[in-house]
Amino acid sequence: MIEARQLTKRYGDKLAVDELTFSVNPGVVTGFLGPNGAGKSTTMRMILGLDRPDGGES
């Protein structure tokens, strides 16, 4: 299972991800959609351990 709880990430005064919480069950195909600049790549980087969240956990 992939889980994120209250993930938050800031770059200076810009809030990139704001207290995001979600879970994905094994074997379930899941889309991760949003407009440009919504924080999709930042969220995936935090889940993969490539970037540290300023708050929350994954």
C-alpha atoms as a PDB file:
ATOM      1  CA  MET A   1       0.000   0.000   0.000  1.00  0.00           C
ATOM      2  CA  ILE A   2       1.132   3.532  -0.731  1.00  0.00           C
ATOM      3  CA  GLU A   3       0.132   6.058   1.897  1.00  0.00           C
ATOM      4  CA  ALA A   4       0.694   9.752   2.395  1.00  0.00           C
ATOM      5  CA  ARG A   5      -0.497  11.606   5.483  1.00  0.00           C
ATOM      6  CA  GLN A   6      -0.619  15.369   5.770  1.00  0.00           C
ATOM      7  CA  LEU A   7       2.238  15.837   3.248  1.00  0.00           C
ATOM      8  CA  THR A   8       3.305  19.450   3.011  1.00  0.00           C
ATOM      9  CA  LYS A   9       6.092  21.007   0.958  1.00  0.00           C
ATOM     10  CA  ARG A  10       7.154  24.646   0.645  1.00  0.00           C
ATOM     11  CA  TYR A  11       9.721  26.271  -1.609  1.00  0.00           C
ATOM     12  CA  GLY A  12      10.428  29.582   0.093  1.00  0.00           C
ATOM     13  CA  ASP A  13       7.073  31.299   0.475  1.00  0.00           C
ATOM     14  CA  LYS A  14       5.439  29.108  -2.231  1.00  0.00           C
ATOM     15  CA  LEU A  15       3.250  26.293  -0.895  1.00  0.00           C
ATOM     16  CA  ALA A  16       3.670  23.400  -3.363  1.00  0.00           C
ATOM     17  CA  VAL A  17       1.745  20.678  -1.477  1.00  0.00           C
ATOM     18  CA  ASP A  18      -0.686  21.474   1.339  1.00  0.00           C
ATOM     19  CA  GLU A  19      -1.464  18.689   3.863  1.00  0.00           C
ATOM     20  CA  LEU A  20      -2.169  16.025   1.212  1.00  0.00           C
ATOM     21  CA  THR A  21      -3.518  12.686   2.491  1.00  0.00           C
ATOM     22  CA  PHE A  22      -4.289   9.630   0.319  1.00  0.00           C
ATOM     23  CA  SER A  23      -3.765   5.867   0.042  1.00  0.00           C
ATOM     24  CA  VAL A  24      -3.487   3.449  -2.884  1.00  0.00           C
ATOM     25  CA  ASN A  25      -4.178  -0.258  -2.400  1.00  0.00           C
ATOM     26  CA  PRO A  26      -1.968  -2.915  -4.046  1.00  0.00           C
ATOM     27  CA  GLY A  27      -3.129  -4.049  -7.482  1.00  0.00           C
ATOM     28  CA  VAL A  28      -5.307  -0.994  -8.067  1.00  0.00           C
ATOM     29  CA  VAL A  29      -4.577   1.126 -11.135  1.00  0.00           C
ATOM     30  CA  THR A  30      -4.713   4.736  -9.970  1.00  0.00           C
ATOM     31  CA  GLY A  31      -4.402   8.021 -11.848  1.00  0.00           C
ATOM     32  CA  PHE A  32      -2.696  11.074 -10.369  1.00  0.00           C
ATOM     33  CA  LEU A  33      -4.044  14.054 -12.285  1.00  0.00           C
ATOM     34  CA  GLY A  34      -3.980  17.814 -11.890  1.00  0.00           C
ATOM     35  CA  PRO A  35      -3.109  21.025 -13.705  1.00  0.00           C
ATOM     36  CA  ASN A  36       0.442  22.283 -14.214  1.00  0.00           C
ATOM     37  CA  GLY A  37       1.929  23.461 -10.939  1.00  0.00           C
ATOM     38  CA  ALA A  38      -0.490  21.465  -8.764  1.00  0.00           C
ATOM     39  CA  GLY A  39       2.307  19.559  -6.969  1.00  0.00           C
ATOM     40  CA  LYS A  40       2.058  16.151  -8.673  1.00  0.00           C
ATOM     41  CA  SER A  41       5.786  15.728  -9.296  1.00  0.00           C
ATOM     42  CA  THR A  42       6.684  17.141  -5.885  1.00  0.00           C
ATOM     43  CA  THR A  43       4.288  14.685  -4.234  1.00  0.00           C
ATOM     44  CA  MET A  44       5.761  11.718  -6.132  1.00  0.00           C
ATOM     45  CA  ARG A  45       9.306  12.831  -5.254  1.00  0.00           C
ATOM     46  CA  MET A  46       8.381  12.915  -1.559  1.00  0.00           C
ATOM     47  CA  ILE A  47       6.755   9.460  -1.709  1.00  0.00           C
ATOM     48  CA  LEU A  48       9.862   8.042  -3.433  1.00  0.00           C
ATOM     49  CA  GLY A  49      12.185   9.636  -0.881  1.00  0.00           C
ATOM     50  CA  LEU A  50      13.836  11.938  -3.420  1.00  0.00           C
ATOM     51  CA  ASP A  51      12.599  15.057  -1.622  1.00  0.00           C
ATOM     52  CA  ARG A  52      11.827  15.665   2.058  1.00  0.00           C
ATOM     53  CA  PRO A  53       8.413  16.917   3.095  1.00  0.00           C
ATOM     54  CA  ASP A  54       8.235  19.935   5.381  1.00  0.00           C
ATOM     55  CA  GLY A  55       5.397  18.196   7.207  1.00  0.00           C
ATOM     56  CA  GLY A  56       3.575  14.867   7.240  1.00  0.00           C
ATOM     57  CA  GLU A  57       4.843  11.427   6.260  1.00  0.00           C
ATOM     58  CA  SER A  58       4.735   8.930   3.429  1.00  0.00           C
END
